């Protein structure tokens, strides 16, 4: 399998779409299962072993909160899509 190219995209969702995605994410986290989501046309699989953090940024009168989920795609994780 070839290596995927680097990617950095942002997608805006309506409140109801965002809430639905958060609910699905919370359900997967509570069940200890991987999470699957499609962002800007690409399907992404987050394994249950992902790490989480919350970031807060402030610049002038703008503020931002980011909920981040991070993981490394090891060769063994790629061969088993359930990971």
PDB file of N, CA and C in Angstrom:
ATOM      1  N   UNK A   1       0.851  -1.190   0.000  1.00  0.00           N
ATOM      2  CA  UNK A   1       0.000   0.000   0.000  1.00  0.00           C
ATOM      3  C   UNK A   1       0.885   1.237   0.000  1.00  0.00           C
ATOM      4  N   UNK A   2       0.593   2.213  -0.860  1.00  0.00           N
ATOM      5  CA  UNK A   2       1.394   3.430  -0.942  1.00  0.00           C
ATOM      6  C   UNK A   2       1.117   4.363   0.215  1.00  0.00           C
ATOM      7  N   UNK A   3       2.088   5.232   0.469  1.00  0.00           N
ATOM      8  CA  UNK A   3       1.936   6.206   1.549  1.00  0.00           C
ATOM      9  C   UNK A   3       0.973   7.302   1.110  1.00  0.00           C
ATOM     10  N   UNK A   4       0.113   7.733   2.018  1.00  0.00           N
ATOM     11  CA  UNK A   4      -0.843   8.802   1.712  1.00  0.00           C
ATOM     12  C   UNK A   4      -0.122  10.140   1.744  1.00  0.00           C
ATOM     13  N   UNK A   5      -0.533  11.067   0.874  1.00  0.00           N
ATOM     14  CA  UNK A   5       0.095  12.398   0.872  1.00  0.00           C
ATOM     15  C   UNK A   5      -0.315  13.193   2.113  1.00  0.00           C
ATOM     16  N   UNK A   6       0.512  14.158   2.496  1.00  0.00           N
ATOM     17  CA  UNK A   6       0.181  15.052   3.602  1.00  0.00           C
ATOM     18  C   UNK A   6      -1.115  15.783   3.271  1.00  0.00           C
ATOM     19  N   UNK A   7      -1.835  16.184   4.301  1.00  0.00           N
ATOM     20  CA  UNK A   7      -3.124  16.838   4.089  1.00  0.00           C
ATOM     21  C   UNK A   7      -3.414  17.759   5.267  1.00  0.00           C
ATOM     22  N   UNK A   8      -3.979  18.919   5.016  1.00  0.00           N
ATOM     23  CA  UNK A   8      -4.394  19.846   6.059  1.00  0.00           C
ATOM     24  C   UNK A   8      -5.625  20.575   5.545  1.00  0.00           C
ATOM     25  N   UNK A   9      -6.816  20.093   5.905  1.00  0.00           N
ATOM     26  CA  UNK A   9      -8.062  20.691   5.437  1.00  0.00           C
ATOM     27  C   UNK A   9      -8.927  21.065   6.628  1.00  0.00           C
ATOM     28  N   UNK A  10      -9.811  21.993   6.402  1.00  0.00           N
ATOM     29  CA  UNK A  10     -10.772  22.417   7.403  1.00  0.00           C
ATOM     30  C   UNK A  10     -12.132  22.390   6.752  1.00  0.00           C
ATOM     31  N   UNK A  11     -13.126  21.861   7.440  1.00  0.00           N
ATOM     32  CA  UNK A  11     -14.475  21.766   6.885  1.00  0.00           C
ATOM     33  C   UNK A  11     -15.443  22.379   7.878  1.00  0.00           C
ATOM     34  N   UNK A  12     -16.301  23.235   7.401  1.00  0.00           N
ATOM     35  CA  UNK A  12     -17.313  23.882   8.243  1.00  0.00           C
ATOM     36  C   UNK A  12     -18.582  23.032   8.217  1.00  0.00           C
ATOM     37  N   UNK A  13     -19.156  22.792   9.396  1.00  0.00           N
ATOM     38  CA  UNK A  13     -20.387  22.019   9.522  1.00  0.00           C
ATOM     39  C   UNK A  13     -21.453  22.847  10.205  1.00  0.00           C
ATOM     40  N   UNK A  14     -22.707  22.513   9.922  1.00  0.00           N
ATOM     41  CA  UNK A  14     -23.815  23.140  10.653  1.00  0.00           C
ATOM     42  C   UNK A  14     -23.788  22.615  12.086  1.00  0.00           C
ATOM     43  N   UNK A  15     -24.497  23.291  12.969  1.00  0.00           N
ATOM     44  CA  UNK A  15     -24.539  22.853  14.365  1.00  0.00           C
ATOM     45  C   UNK A  15     -25.053  21.420  14.472  1.00  0.00           C
ATOM     46  N   UNK A  16     -26.135  21.098  13.777  1.00  0.00           N
ATOM     47  CA  UNK A  16     -26.703  19.751  13.883  1.00  0.00           C
ATOM     48  C   UNK A  16     -25.748  18.687  13.336  1.00  0.00           C
ATOM     49  N   UNK A  17     -25.031  18.981  12.249  1.00  0.00           N
ATOM     50  CA  UNK A  17     -24.055  18.035  11.706  1.00  0.00           C
ATOM     51  C   UNK A  17     -22.907  17.818  12.691  1.00  0.00           C
ATOM     52  N   UNK A  18     -22.426  18.903  13.277  1.00  0.00           N
ATOM     53  CA  UNK A  18     -21.321  18.832  14.222  1.00  0.00           C
ATOM     54  C   UNK A  18     -21.715  18.026  15.459  1.00  0.00           C
ATOM     55  N   UNK A  19     -22.909  18.280  15.977  1.00  0.00           N
ATOM     56  CA  UNK A  19     -23.403  17.558  17.149  1.00  0.00           C
ATOM     57  C   UNK A  19     -23.514  16.064  16.847  1.00  0.00           C
ATOM     58  N   UNK A  20     -24.023  15.717  15.681  1.00  0.00           N
ATOM     59  CA  UNK A  20     -24.156  14.304  15.305  1.00  0.00           C
ATOM     60  C   UNK A  20     -22.788  13.626  15.251  1.00  0.00           C
ATOM     61  N   UNK A  21     -21.791  14.316  14.709  1.00  0.00           N
ATOM     62  CA  UNK A  21     -20.436  13.747  14.636  1.00  0.00           C
ATOM     63  C   UNK A  21     -19.848  13.583  16.033  1.00  0.00           C
ATOM     64  N   UNK A  22     -20.051  14.570  16.901  1.00  0.00           N
ATOM     65  CA  UNK A  22     -19.565  14.468  18.276  1.00  0.00           C
ATOM     66  C   UNK A  22     -20.222  13.303  19.012  1.00  0.00           C
ATOM     67  N   UNK A  23     -21.512  13.097  18.783  1.00  0.00           N
ATOM     68  CA  UNK A  23     -22.210  11.979  19.430  1.00  0.00           C
ATOM     69  C   UNK A  23     -21.648  10.643  18.972  1.00  0.00           C
ATOM     70  N   UNK A  24     -21.415  10.513  17.660  1.00  0.00           N
ATOM     71  CA  UNK A  24     -20.842   9.267  17.143  1.00  0.00           C
ATOM     72  C   UNK A  24     -19.440   9.041  17.713  1.00  0.00           C
ATOM     73  N   UNK A  25     -18.654  10.129  17.806  1.00  0.00           N
ATOM     74  CA  UNK A  25     -17.313  10.034  18.371  1.00  0.00           C
ATOM     75  C   UNK A  25     -17.383   9.597  19.833  1.00  0.00           C
ATOM     76  N   UNK A  26     -18.248  10.220  20.621  1.00  0.00           N
ATOM     77  CA  UNK A  26     -18.376   9.872  22.033  1.00  0.00           C
ATOM     78  C   UNK A  26     -18.795   8.409  22.197  1.00  0.00           C
ATOM     79  N   UNK A  27     -19.718   7.948  21.379  1.00  0.00           N
ATOM     80  CA  UNK A  27     -20.152   6.554  21.447  1.00  0.00           C
ATOM     81  C   UNK A  27     -18.990   5.606  21.159  1.00  0.00           C
ATOM     82  N   UNK A  28     -18.189   5.917  20.140  1.00  0.00           N
ATOM     83  CA  UNK A  28     -17.040   5.068  19.795  1.00  0.00           C
ATOM     84  C   UNK A  28     -16.011   5.071  20.917  1.00  0.00           C
ATOM     85  N   UNK A  29     -15.734   6.242  21.501  1.00  0.00           N
ATOM     86  CA  UNK A  29     -14.768   6.337  22.591  1.00  0.00           C
ATOM     87  C   UNK A  29     -15.227   5.526  23.803  1.00  0.00           C
ATOM     88  N   UNK A  30     -16.495   5.675  24.166  1.00  0.00           N
ATOM     89  CA  UNK A  30     -17.020   4.943  25.319  1.00  0.00           C
ATOM     90  C   UNK A  30     -16.987   3.433  25.105  1.00  0.00           C
ATOM     91  N   UNK A  31     -17.185   2.998  23.869  1.00  0.00           N
ATOM     92  CA  UNK A  31     -17.198   1.568  23.548  1.00  0.00           C
ATOM     93  C   UNK A  31     -15.797   1.019  23.307  1.00  0.00           C
ATOM     94  N   UNK A  32     -14.785   1.906  23.281  1.00  0.00           N
ATOM     95  CA  UNK A  32     -13.421   1.463  23.019  1.00  0.00           C
ATOM     96  C   UNK A  32     -13.216   1.005  21.583  1.00  0.00           C
ATOM     97  N   UNK A  33     -13.981   1.592  20.667  1.00  0.00           N
ATOM     98  CA  UNK A  33     -13.930   1.208  19.259  1.00  0.00           C
ATOM     99  C   UNK A  33     -13.299   2.309  18.418  1.00  0.00           C
ATOM    100  N   UNK A  34     -12.858   1.935  17.231  1.00  0.00           N
ATOM    101  CA  UNK A  34     -12.325   2.945  16.315  1.00  0.00           C
ATOM    102  C   UNK A  34     -13.465   3.844  15.847  1.00  0.00           C
ATOM    103  N   UNK A  35     -13.111   5.037  15.375  1.00  0.00           N
ATOM    104  CA  UNK A  35     -14.081   6.017  14.876  1.00  0.00           C
ATOM    105  C   UNK A  35     -13.803   6.246  13.405  1.00  0.00           C
ATOM    106  N   UNK A  36     -14.848   6.284  12.626  1.00  0.00           N
ATOM    107  CA  UNK A  36     -14.735   6.485  11.178  1.00  0.00           C
ATOM    108  C   UNK A  36     -15.485   7.753  10.808  1.00  0.00           C
ATOM    109  N   UNK A  37     -14.830   8.615  10.019  1.00  0.00           N
ATOM    110  CA  UNK A  37     -15.455   9.866   9.601  1.00  0.00           C
ATOM    111  C   UNK A  37     -14.958  10.224   8.207  1.00  0.00           C
ATOM    112  N   UNK A  38     -15.800  10.888   7.445  1.00  0.00           N
ATOM    113  CA  UNK A  38     -15.381  11.386   6.137  1.00  0.00           C
ATOM    114  C   UNK A  38     -15.253  12.900   6.229  1.00  0.00           C
ATOM    115  N   UNK A  39     -14.075  13.397   5.849  1.00  0.00           N
ATOM    116  CA  UNK A  39     -13.807  14.836   5.899  1.00  0.00           C
ATOM    117  C   UNK A  39     -13.369  15.287   4.513  1.00  0.00           C
ATOM    118  N   UNK A  40     -14.118  16.212   3.937  1.00  0.00           N
ATOM    119  CA  UNK A  40     -13.786  16.774   2.618  1.00  0.00           C
ATOM    120  C   UNK A  40     -13.461  15.672   1.613  1.00  0.00           C
ATOM    121  N   UNK A  41     -14.319  14.642   1.581  1.00  0.00           N
ATOM    122  CA  UNK A  41     -14.207  13.603   0.563  1.00  0.00           C
ATOM    123  C   UNK A  41     -13.269  12.453   0.876  1.00  0.00           C
ATOM    124  N   UNK A  42     -12.580  12.479   2.004  1.00  0.00           N
ATOM    125  CA  UNK A  42     -11.680  11.379   2.352  1.00  0.00           C
ATOM    126  C   UNK A  42     -12.137  10.716   3.640  1.00  0.00           C
ATOM    127  N   UNK A  43     -12.224   9.382   3.615  1.00  0.00           N
ATOM    128  CA  UNK A  43     -12.610   8.613   4.796  1.00  0.00           C
ATOM    129  C   UNK A  43     -11.387   8.435   5.689  1.00  0.00           C
ATOM    130  N   UNK A  44     -11.571   8.742   6.983  1.00  0.00           N
ATOM    131  CA  UNK A  44     -10.487   8.671   7.961  1.00  0.00           C
ATOM    132  C   UNK A  44     -10.918   7.711   9.068  1.00  0.00           C
ATOM    133  N   UNK A  45      -9.991   6.849   9.474  1.00  0.00           N
ATOM    134  CA  UNK A  45     -10.245   5.878  10.528  1.00  0.00           C
ATOM    135  C   UNK A  45      -9.356   6.194  11.722  1.00  0.00           C
ATOM    136  N   UNK A  46      -9.970   6.567  12.843  1.00  0.00           N
ATOM    137  CA  UNK A  46      -9.232   6.860  14.062  1.00  0.00           C
ATOM    138  C   UNK A  46      -9.269   5.617  14.937  1.00  0.00           C
ATOM    139  N   UNK A  47      -8.111   5.061  15.267  1.00  0.00           N
ATOM    140  CA  UNK A  47      -8.103   3.862  16.101  1.00  0.00           C
ATOM    141  C   UNK A  47      -8.476   4.171  17.548  1.00  0.00           C
ATOM    142  N   UNK A  48      -8.907   3.146  18.262  1.00  0.00           N
ATOM    143  CA  UNK A  48      -9.301   3.313  19.663  1.00  0.00           C
ATOM    144  C   UNK A  48      -8.126   3.770  20.523  1.00  0.00           C
ATOM    145  N   UNK A  49      -6.884   3.547  20.078  1.00  0.00           N
ATOM    146  CA  UNK A  49      -5.696   3.893  20.852  1.00  0.00           C
ATOM    147  C   UNK A  49      -5.280   5.358  20.695  1.00  0.00           C
ATOM    148  N   UNK A  50      -6.067   6.168  20.003  1.00  0.00           N
ATOM    149  CA  UNK A  50      -5.725   7.573  19.777  1.00  0.00           C
ATOM    150  C   UNK A  50      -5.586   8.323  21.103  1.00  0.00           C
ATOM    151  N   UNK A  51      -4.799   9.399  21.080  1.00  0.00           N
ATOM    152  CA  UNK A  51      -4.646  10.276  22.236  1.00  0.00           C
ATOM    153  C   UNK A  51      -5.451  11.547  21.993  1.00  0.00           C
ATOM    154  N   UNK A  52      -5.877  12.190  23.073  1.00  0.00           N
ATOM    155  CA  UNK A  52      -6.767  13.344  22.971  1.00  0.00           C
ATOM    156  C   UNK A  52      -6.198  14.534  23.720  1.00  0.00           C
ATOM    157  N   UNK A  53      -6.436  15.726  23.183  1.00  0.00           N
ATOM    158  CA  UNK A  53      -6.110  16.943  23.915  1.00  0.00           C
ATOM    159  C   UNK A  53      -7.045  18.057  23.472  1.00  0.00           C
ATOM    160  N   UNK A  54      -7.116  19.067  24.294  1.00  0.00           N
ATOM    161  CA  UNK A  54      -7.929  20.245  23.994  1.00  0.00           C
ATOM    162  C   UNK A  54      -6.998  21.439  23.993  1.00  0.00           C
ATOM    163  N   UNK A  55      -7.081  22.221  22.939  1.00  0.00           N
ATOM    164  CA  UNK A  55      -6.200  23.376  22.774  1.00  0.00           C
ATOM    165  C   UNK A  55      -7.039  24.653  22.748  1.00  0.00           C
ATOM    166  N   UNK A  56      -6.546  25.675  23.441  1.00  0.00           N
ATOM    167  CA  UNK A  56      -7.209  26.981  23.436  1.00  0.00           C
ATOM    168  C   UNK A  56      -6.220  28.020  22.926  1.00  0.00           C
ATOM    169  N   UNK A  57      -6.647  28.798  21.950  1.00  0.00           N
ATOM    170  CA  UNK A  57      -5.803  29.858  21.396  1.00  0.00           C
ATOM    171  C   UNK A  57      -6.539  31.182  21.485  1.00  0.00           C
ATOM    172  N   UNK A  58      -5.772  32.247  21.709  1.00  0.00           N
ATOM    173  CA  UNK A  58      -6.341  33.593  21.732  1.00  0.00           C
ATOM    174  C   UNK A  58      -5.379  34.512  21.005  1.00  0.00           C
ATOM    175  N   UNK A  59      -5.929  35.294  20.094  1.00  0.00           N
ATOM    176  CA  UNK A  59      -5.137  36.295  19.382  1.00  0.00           C
ATOM    177  C   UNK A  59      -6.031  37.509  19.177  1.00  0.00           C
ATOM    178  N   UNK A  60      -5.706  38.603  19.849  1.00  0.00           N
ATOM    179  CA  UNK A  60      -6.552  39.796  19.774  1.00  0.00           C
ATOM    180  C   UNK A  60      -7.921  39.493  20.335  1.00  0.00           C
ATOM    181  N   UNK A  61      -8.970  39.779  19.562  1.00  0.00           N
ATOM    182  CA  UNK A  61     -10.327  39.511  20.039  1.00  0.00           C
ATOM    183  C   UNK A  61     -10.887  38.185  19.524  1.00  0.00           C
ATOM    184  N   UNK A  62     -10.038  37.360  18.892  1.00  0.00           N
ATOM    185  CA  UNK A  62     -10.478  36.051  18.410  1.00  0.00           C
ATOM    186  C   UNK A  62      -9.984  34.951  19.343  1.00  0.00           C
ATOM    187  N   UNK A  63     -10.854  33.966  19.591  1.00  0.00           N
ATOM    188  CA  UNK A  63     -10.494  32.810  20.398  1.00  0.00           C
ATOM    189  C   UNK A  63     -10.883  31.544  19.661  1.00  0.00           C
ATOM    190  N   UNK A  64     -10.181  30.473  19.975  1.00  0.00           N
ATOM    191  CA  UNK A  64     -10.415  29.201  19.287  1.00  0.00           C
ATOM    192  C   UNK A  64     -10.191  28.060  20.269  1.00  0.00           C
ATOM    193  N   UNK A  65     -11.068  27.068  20.223  1.00  0.00           N
ATOM    194  CA  UNK A  65     -10.881  25.827  20.973  1.00  0.00           C
ATOM    195  C   UNK A  65     -10.827  24.701  19.955  1.00  0.00           C
ATOM    196  N   UNK A  66      -9.822  23.861  20.067  1.00  0.00           N
ATOM    197  CA  UNK A  66      -9.683  22.709  19.186  1.00  0.00           C
ATOM    198  C   UNK A  66      -9.678  21.440  20.015  1.00  0.00           C
ATOM    199  N   UNK A  67     -10.531  20.495  19.649  1.00  0.00           N
ATOM    200  CA  UNK A  67     -10.507  19.165  20.236  1.00  0.00           C
ATOM    201  C   UNK A  67      -9.675  18.324  19.286  1.00  0.00           C
ATOM    202  N   UNK A  68      -8.533  17.836  19.752  1.00  0.00           N
ATOM    203  CA  UNK A  68      -7.608  17.131  18.865  1.00  0.00           C
ATOM    204  C   UNK A  68      -7.525  15.659  19.235  1.00  0.00           C
ATOM    205  N   UNK A  69      -7.477  14.824  18.207  1.00  0.00           N
ATOM    206  CA  UNK A  69      -7.319  13.383  18.354  1.00  0.00           C
ATOM    207  C   UNK A  69      -6.119  13.014  17.508  1.00  0.00           C
ATOM    208  N   UNK A  70      -5.108  12.374  18.102  1.00  0.00           N
ATOM    209  CA  UNK A  70      -3.857  12.081  17.394  1.00  0.00           C
ATOM    210  C   UNK A  70      -3.505  10.611  17.518  1.00  0.00           C
ATOM    211  N   UNK A  71      -2.928  10.081  16.441  1.00  0.00           N
ATOM    212  CA  UNK A  71      -2.429   8.715  16.449  1.00  0.00           C
ATOM    213  C   UNK A  71      -1.392   8.563  15.360  1.00  0.00           C
ATOM    214  N   UNK A  72      -0.634   7.501  15.457  1.00  0.00           N
ATOM    215  CA  UNK A  72       0.366   7.173  14.452  1.00  0.00           C
ATOM    216  C   UNK A  72      -0.108   5.947  13.705  1.00  0.00           C
ATOM    217  N   UNK A  73      -0.003   5.982  12.392  1.00  0.00           N
ATOM    218  CA  UNK A  73      -0.351   4.828  11.570  1.00  0.00           C
ATOM    219  C   UNK A  73       0.876   3.947  11.426  1.00  0.00           C
ATOM    220  N   UNK A  74       0.975   2.947  12.291  1.00  0.00           N
ATOM    221  CA  UNK A  74       2.096   2.004  12.195  1.00  0.00           C
ATOM    222  C   UNK A  74       1.779   0.975  11.122  1.00  0.00           C
ATOM    223  N   UNK A  75       2.773   0.262  10.643  1.00  0.00           N
ATOM    224  CA  UNK A  75       2.552  -0.733   9.598  1.00  0.00           C
ATOM    225  C   UNK A  75       1.612  -1.822  10.079  1.00  0.00           C
ATOM    226  N   UNK A  76       1.662  -2.207  11.360  1.00  0.00           N
ATOM    227  CA  UNK A  76       0.761  -3.243  11.858  1.00  0.00           C
ATOM    228  C   UNK A  76      -0.671  -2.723  11.967  1.00  0.00           C
ATOM    229  N   UNK A  77      -0.835  -1.446  12.300  1.00  0.00           N
ATOM    230  CA  UNK A  77      -2.180  -0.877  12.401  1.00  0.00           C
ATOM    231  C   UNK A  77      -2.805  -0.761  11.010  1.00  0.00           C
ATOM    232  N   UNK A  78      -2.000  -0.472   9.994  1.00  0.00           N
ATOM    233  CA  UNK A  78      -2.533  -0.349   8.641  1.00  0.00           C
ATOM    234  C   UNK A  78      -3.013  -1.696   8.106  1.00  0.00           C
ATOM    235  N   UNK A  79      -2.366  -2.769   8.495  1.00  0.00           N
ATOM    236  CA  UNK A  79      -2.751  -4.078   7.978  1.00  0.00           C
ATOM    237  C   UNK A  79      -4.025  -4.595   8.638  1.00  0.00           C
ATOM    238  N   UNK A  80      -4.407  -4.031   9.792  1.00  0.00           N
ATOM    239  CA  UNK A  80      -5.606  -4.441  10.493  1.00  0.00           C
ATOM    240  C   UNK A  80      -6.520  -3.234  10.660  1.00  0.00           C
ATOM    241  N   UNK A  81      -7.535  -3.048   9.778  1.00  0.00           N
ATOM    242  CA  UNK A  81      -8.374  -1.856   9.827  1.00  0.00           C
ATOM    243  C   UNK A  81      -9.194  -1.741  11.102  1.00  0.00           C
ATOM    244  N   UNK A  82      -9.315  -2.790  11.899  1.00  0.00           N
ATOM    245  CA  UNK A  82     -10.072  -2.704  13.139  1.00  0.00           C
ATOM    246  C   UNK A  82      -9.304  -1.988  14.231  1.00  0.00           C
ATOM    247  N   UNK A  83      -8.012  -1.792  14.054  1.00  0.00           N
ATOM    248  CA  UNK A  83      -7.194  -1.126  15.082  1.00  0.00           C
ATOM    249  C   UNK A  83      -7.363   0.362  15.028  1.00  0.00           C
TER     250      UNK A  83
END
